[in-house]
N, C-alpha and C. Protein backbone atom coordinates (compact mmCIF):
# COMPACT_ATOMS: atom_id res chain seq x y z
N UNK A 1 112.30 90.63 155.44
CA UNK A 1 113.00 90.30 154.24
C UNK A 1 113.89 91.42 153.83
N UNK A 2 115.11 91.17 153.45
CA UNK A 2 115.99 92.21 152.96
C UNK A 2 115.73 92.52 151.58
N UNK A 3 115.83 93.86 151.23
CA UNK A 3 115.58 94.29 149.88
C UNK A 3 116.76 93.89 149.04
N UNK A 4 116.51 93.69 147.74
CA UNK A 4 117.57 93.42 146.73
C UNK A 4 118.05 94.78 146.22
N UNK A 5 119.32 94.99 146.24
CA UNK A 5 119.91 96.24 145.76
C UNK A 5 120.19 96.20 144.30
N UNK A 6 120.04 97.31 143.61
CA UNK A 6 120.47 97.45 142.23
C UNK A 6 121.87 98.03 142.22
N UNK A 7 122.87 97.20 142.09
CA UNK A 7 124.24 97.62 142.13
C UNK A 7 124.89 97.49 140.76
N UNK A 8 125.82 98.35 140.44
CA UNK A 8 126.51 98.22 139.18
C UNK A 8 127.45 97.03 139.24
N UNK A 9 127.89 96.59 138.03
CA UNK A 9 128.80 95.48 137.97
C UNK A 9 130.14 95.84 138.77
N UNK A 10 130.59 97.04 138.62
CA UNK A 10 131.82 97.49 139.26
C UNK A 10 131.67 97.35 140.81
N UNK A 11 130.56 97.77 141.33
CA UNK A 11 130.35 97.67 142.76
C UNK A 11 130.24 96.23 143.25
N UNK A 12 129.58 95.39 142.52
CA UNK A 12 129.46 94.00 142.85
C UNK A 12 130.84 93.34 142.81
N UNK A 13 131.59 93.65 141.76
CA UNK A 13 132.94 93.14 141.64
C UNK A 13 133.81 93.53 142.80
N UNK A 14 133.82 94.83 143.10
CA UNK A 14 134.64 95.32 144.21
C UNK A 14 134.27 94.71 145.54
N UNK A 15 132.95 94.58 145.82
CA UNK A 15 132.46 93.99 147.09
C UNK A 15 132.90 92.53 147.14
N UNK A 16 132.78 91.79 146.02
CA UNK A 16 133.15 90.37 146.06
C UNK A 16 134.60 90.16 146.08
N UNK A 17 135.43 90.93 145.43
CA UNK A 17 136.80 90.69 145.28
C UNK A 17 137.66 91.41 146.34
N UNK A 18 137.33 92.65 146.60
CA UNK A 18 138.19 93.44 147.51
C UNK A 18 137.70 93.46 148.94
N UNK A 19 136.40 93.43 149.16
CA UNK A 19 135.85 93.57 150.53
C UNK A 19 135.70 92.18 151.14
N UNK A 20 134.63 91.47 150.81
CA UNK A 20 134.32 90.17 151.42
C UNK A 20 133.75 89.26 150.28
N UNK A 21 134.46 88.14 149.97
CA UNK A 21 133.88 87.27 148.97
C UNK A 21 132.47 86.85 149.31
N UNK A 22 131.56 87.12 148.43
CA UNK A 22 130.17 86.81 148.62
C UNK A 22 129.22 87.90 149.03
N UNK A 23 129.80 89.01 149.48
CA UNK A 23 128.97 90.16 149.98
C UNK A 23 128.20 90.77 148.81
N UNK A 24 128.89 91.01 147.71
CA UNK A 24 128.15 91.57 146.55
C UNK A 24 127.06 90.61 146.03
N UNK A 25 127.39 89.36 146.00
CA UNK A 25 126.43 88.31 145.59
C UNK A 25 125.20 88.35 146.48
N UNK A 26 125.42 88.44 147.78
CA UNK A 26 124.34 88.49 148.71
C UNK A 26 123.49 89.70 148.54
N UNK A 27 124.09 90.88 148.28
CA UNK A 27 123.36 92.11 148.18
C UNK A 27 122.54 92.24 146.86
N UNK A 28 122.92 91.49 145.84
CA UNK A 28 122.11 91.57 144.63
C UNK A 28 120.98 90.59 144.59
N UNK A 29 120.79 89.83 145.67
CA UNK A 29 119.62 88.99 145.78
C UNK A 29 119.92 87.49 145.73
N UNK A 30 121.14 87.09 145.47
CA UNK A 30 121.47 85.67 145.50
C UNK A 30 121.92 85.37 146.89
N UNK A 31 120.97 85.28 147.82
CA UNK A 31 121.20 85.22 149.25
C UNK A 31 121.97 83.89 149.62
N UNK A 32 121.47 82.78 149.15
CA UNK A 32 122.04 81.46 149.58
C UNK A 32 123.52 81.39 149.05
N UNK A 33 123.71 81.73 147.72
CA UNK A 33 125.08 81.63 147.22
C UNK A 33 126.03 82.62 147.92
N UNK A 34 125.50 83.82 148.20
CA UNK A 34 126.33 84.83 148.83
C UNK A 34 126.72 84.41 150.28
N UNK A 35 125.74 83.83 150.99
CA UNK A 35 126.00 83.40 152.36
C UNK A 35 126.96 82.22 152.37
N UNK A 36 126.81 81.33 151.37
CA UNK A 36 127.78 80.21 151.24
C UNK A 36 129.18 80.70 150.96
N UNK A 37 129.30 81.64 150.05
CA UNK A 37 130.60 82.18 149.77
C UNK A 37 131.27 82.91 150.95
N UNK A 38 130.46 83.69 151.65
CA UNK A 38 130.96 84.38 152.82
C UNK A 38 131.38 83.42 153.89
N UNK A 39 130.55 82.38 154.10
CA UNK A 39 130.89 81.37 155.13
C UNK A 39 132.19 80.64 154.78
N UNK A 40 132.36 80.27 153.55
CA UNK A 40 133.60 79.58 153.14
C UNK A 40 134.80 80.48 153.28
N UNK A 41 134.64 81.75 152.92
CA UNK A 41 135.77 82.71 153.02
C UNK A 41 136.12 82.90 154.52
N UNK A 42 135.11 83.14 155.38
CA UNK A 42 135.46 83.29 156.79
C UNK A 42 136.05 82.03 157.39
N UNK A 43 135.53 80.91 157.06
CA UNK A 43 136.09 79.64 157.63
C UNK A 43 137.52 79.46 157.17
N UNK A 44 137.76 79.68 155.88
CA UNK A 44 139.15 79.59 155.38
C UNK A 44 140.08 80.57 156.05
N UNK A 45 139.63 81.81 156.25
CA UNK A 45 140.49 82.84 156.85
C UNK A 45 140.77 82.42 158.31
N UNK A 46 139.72 81.95 159.04
CA UNK A 46 139.94 81.59 160.40
C UNK A 46 140.88 80.41 160.50
N UNK A 47 140.78 79.47 159.57
CA UNK A 47 141.67 78.29 159.53
C UNK A 47 143.11 78.72 159.36
N UNK A 48 143.33 79.60 158.43
CA UNK A 48 144.69 80.15 158.17
C UNK A 48 145.23 80.83 159.41
N UNK A 49 144.40 81.70 160.02
CA UNK A 49 144.84 82.34 161.26
C UNK A 49 145.17 81.41 162.36
N UNK A 50 144.34 80.37 162.54
CA UNK A 50 144.66 79.35 163.57
C UNK A 50 145.95 78.65 163.26
N UNK A 51 146.15 78.31 161.98
CA UNK A 51 147.44 77.70 161.57
C UNK A 51 148.66 78.60 161.91
N UNK A 52 148.48 79.89 161.62
CA UNK A 52 149.56 80.84 161.86
C UNK A 52 149.84 80.99 163.31
N UNK A 53 148.81 81.03 164.16
CA UNK A 53 149.00 81.12 165.61
C UNK A 53 149.63 79.87 166.14
N UNK A 54 149.26 78.70 165.62
CA UNK A 54 149.91 77.42 166.05
C UNK A 54 151.37 77.39 165.63
N UNK A 55 151.62 77.84 164.45
CA UNK A 55 153.06 77.83 163.96
C UNK A 55 153.87 78.79 164.77
N UNK A 56 153.29 80.00 165.07
CA UNK A 56 154.04 81.00 165.88
C UNK A 56 154.26 80.43 167.27
N UNK A 57 153.26 79.81 167.84
CA UNK A 57 153.39 79.24 169.21
C UNK A 57 154.51 78.25 169.28
N UNK A 58 154.58 77.39 168.21
CA UNK A 58 155.67 76.39 168.14
C UNK A 58 157.03 77.10 168.04
N UNK A 59 157.12 78.08 167.20
CA UNK A 59 158.41 78.80 166.96
C UNK A 59 158.85 79.52 168.27
N UNK A 60 157.93 80.15 168.93
CA UNK A 60 158.30 80.83 170.19
C UNK A 60 158.69 79.83 171.24
N UNK A 61 157.96 78.78 171.33
CA UNK A 61 158.30 77.66 172.34
C UNK A 61 159.70 77.09 171.99
N UNK A 62 159.96 76.89 170.75
CA UNK A 62 161.26 76.37 170.37
C UNK A 62 162.35 77.33 170.72
N UNK A 63 162.12 78.60 170.47
CA UNK A 63 163.16 79.59 170.71
C UNK A 63 163.42 79.81 172.18
N UNK A 64 162.39 79.76 173.04
CA UNK A 64 162.59 79.96 174.43
C UNK A 64 163.03 78.78 175.20
N UNK A 65 162.48 77.62 174.91
CA UNK A 65 162.81 76.39 175.70
C UNK A 65 163.69 75.37 174.92
N UNK A 66 163.73 75.56 173.63
CA UNK A 66 164.52 74.65 172.88
C UNK A 66 163.85 73.31 172.55
N UNK A 67 162.57 73.17 172.91
CA UNK A 67 161.89 71.91 172.59
C UNK A 67 160.47 72.27 172.15
N UNK A 68 159.84 71.33 171.41
CA UNK A 68 158.45 71.61 170.92
C UNK A 68 157.48 71.70 172.02
N UNK A 69 156.46 72.50 171.78
CA UNK A 69 155.37 72.69 172.77
C UNK A 69 154.57 71.41 172.89
N UNK A 70 154.12 71.16 174.09
CA UNK A 70 153.29 69.89 174.33
C UNK A 70 151.81 70.12 173.97
N UNK A 71 151.38 71.41 173.87
CA UNK A 71 149.99 71.64 173.57
C UNK A 71 149.71 71.95 172.11
N UNK A 72 150.68 72.15 171.34
CA UNK A 72 150.46 72.50 169.90
C UNK A 72 150.38 71.16 169.14
N UNK A 73 149.71 71.21 168.00
CA UNK A 73 149.63 70.03 167.16
C UNK A 73 151.00 69.60 166.59
N UNK A 74 151.12 68.40 166.13
CA UNK A 74 152.39 67.99 165.53
C UNK A 74 152.71 68.86 164.31
N UNK A 75 154.01 69.14 164.09
CA UNK A 75 154.39 70.01 162.99
C UNK A 75 153.92 69.50 161.63
N UNK A 76 153.73 68.22 161.46
CA UNK A 76 153.33 67.67 160.19
C UNK A 76 151.86 68.03 159.84
N UNK A 77 151.04 68.36 160.87
CA UNK A 77 149.64 68.74 160.61
C UNK A 77 149.56 70.25 160.25
N UNK A 78 150.42 71.06 160.78
CA UNK A 78 150.36 72.48 160.55
C UNK A 78 150.33 72.89 159.12
N UNK A 79 151.27 72.45 158.25
CA UNK A 79 151.25 72.90 156.85
C UNK A 79 149.99 72.48 156.16
N UNK A 80 149.52 71.28 156.42
CA UNK A 80 148.34 70.80 155.71
C UNK A 80 147.06 71.64 156.07
N UNK A 81 146.91 72.00 157.35
CA UNK A 81 145.78 72.78 157.75
C UNK A 81 145.85 74.19 157.21
N UNK A 82 147.04 74.76 157.12
CA UNK A 82 147.23 76.05 156.56
C UNK A 82 146.87 76.10 155.08
N UNK A 83 147.29 75.08 154.31
CA UNK A 83 146.96 74.98 152.92
C UNK A 83 145.45 74.70 152.69
N UNK A 84 144.87 73.90 153.55
CA UNK A 84 143.46 73.67 153.44
C UNK A 84 142.62 74.98 153.63
N UNK A 85 142.98 75.75 154.63
CA UNK A 85 142.30 77.03 154.85
C UNK A 85 142.49 77.99 153.66
N UNK A 86 143.73 78.04 153.15
CA UNK A 86 143.98 78.88 152.01
C UNK A 86 143.22 78.46 150.77
N UNK A 87 143.10 77.14 150.58
CA UNK A 87 142.30 76.63 149.39
C UNK A 87 140.82 76.90 149.59
N UNK A 88 140.33 76.79 150.81
CA UNK A 88 138.91 77.09 151.07
C UNK A 88 138.63 78.59 150.81
N UNK A 89 139.49 79.50 151.29
CA UNK A 89 139.30 80.92 151.00
C UNK A 89 139.43 81.21 149.51
N UNK A 90 140.36 80.57 148.84
CA UNK A 90 140.54 80.80 147.39
C UNK A 90 139.41 80.30 146.64
N UNK A 91 138.77 79.22 147.04
CA UNK A 91 137.58 78.70 146.34
C UNK A 91 136.41 79.67 146.47
N UNK A 92 136.26 80.22 147.69
CA UNK A 92 135.20 81.19 147.92
C UNK A 92 135.44 82.49 147.08
N UNK A 93 136.68 82.89 147.01
CA UNK A 93 137.04 84.10 146.23
C UNK A 93 136.78 83.85 144.75
N UNK A 94 137.17 82.71 144.22
CA UNK A 94 136.93 82.41 142.78
C UNK A 94 135.43 82.29 142.53
N UNK A 95 134.69 81.70 143.41
CA UNK A 95 133.27 81.53 143.26
C UNK A 95 132.60 82.91 143.27
N UNK A 96 133.03 83.85 144.10
CA UNK A 96 132.45 85.18 144.11
C UNK A 96 132.84 85.98 142.85
N UNK A 97 133.99 85.72 142.32
CA UNK A 97 134.38 86.28 141.06
C UNK A 97 133.44 85.82 139.92
N UNK A 98 133.18 84.50 139.96
CA UNK A 98 132.27 83.96 138.96
C UNK A 98 130.88 84.50 139.09
N UNK A 99 130.41 84.71 140.30
CA UNK A 99 129.08 85.32 140.56
C UNK A 99 128.99 86.75 140.02
N UNK A 100 130.07 87.52 140.16
CA UNK A 100 130.11 88.87 139.70
C UNK A 100 130.11 88.86 138.16
N UNK A 101 130.84 87.99 137.56
CA UNK A 101 130.88 87.90 136.09
C UNK A 101 129.47 87.46 135.52
N UNK A 102 128.83 86.54 136.20
CA UNK A 102 127.51 86.13 135.80
C UNK A 102 126.52 87.24 135.92
N UNK A 103 126.67 88.08 136.99
CA UNK A 103 125.79 89.21 137.12
C UNK A 103 125.97 90.23 135.96
N UNK A 104 127.20 90.40 135.55
CA UNK A 104 127.52 91.27 134.46
C UNK A 104 126.88 90.75 133.19
N UNK A 105 127.00 89.47 132.93
CA UNK A 105 126.42 88.87 131.74
C UNK A 105 124.91 88.98 131.74
N UNK A 106 124.31 88.76 132.88
CA UNK A 106 122.82 88.81 133.02
C UNK A 106 122.38 90.26 132.76
N UNK A 107 123.16 91.27 133.30
CA UNK A 107 122.78 92.65 133.15
C UNK A 107 122.93 93.08 131.68
N UNK A 108 123.93 92.61 130.99
CA UNK A 108 124.13 92.94 129.58
C UNK A 108 123.02 92.34 128.71
N UNK A 109 122.60 91.15 129.04
CA UNK A 109 121.47 90.49 128.30
C UNK A 109 120.24 91.26 128.55
N UNK A 110 119.90 91.69 129.73
CA UNK A 110 118.70 92.43 130.00
C UNK A 110 118.77 93.79 129.33
N UNK A 111 119.91 94.41 129.27
CA UNK A 111 120.07 95.67 128.62
C UNK A 111 119.86 95.60 127.09
N UNK A 112 120.33 94.47 126.51
CA UNK A 112 120.19 94.29 125.09
C UNK A 112 118.74 94.03 124.70
N UNK A 113 117.98 93.36 125.58
CA UNK A 113 116.58 93.14 125.33
C UNK A 113 115.75 94.33 125.44
N UNK A 114 116.17 95.28 126.19
CA UNK A 114 115.33 96.53 126.50
C UNK A 114 115.45 97.53 125.39
């Protein structure tokens, strides 16, 4: 079992927002939510990268041969998949921001009670 770390709000916020969405959440003990946020962020990032590679493949093929590639998806699918990946990553990022803010609120409540 992994130990729960006592991190400051600033560290949780930086881990969640600047490093990896969900990492700070995972390290403060909210394992399921942190893993879910990280998985969504990674899936969204991979989706955007695959969209970018497909788009670049199409552009290179068009530039070299003057016709669309036979192995790349139709151009109408590419923008939709890129936006879907971006939305998935954005949702994970916003969720991790919410987790960090909830951690701050919980820490302030505990501090006030003490």
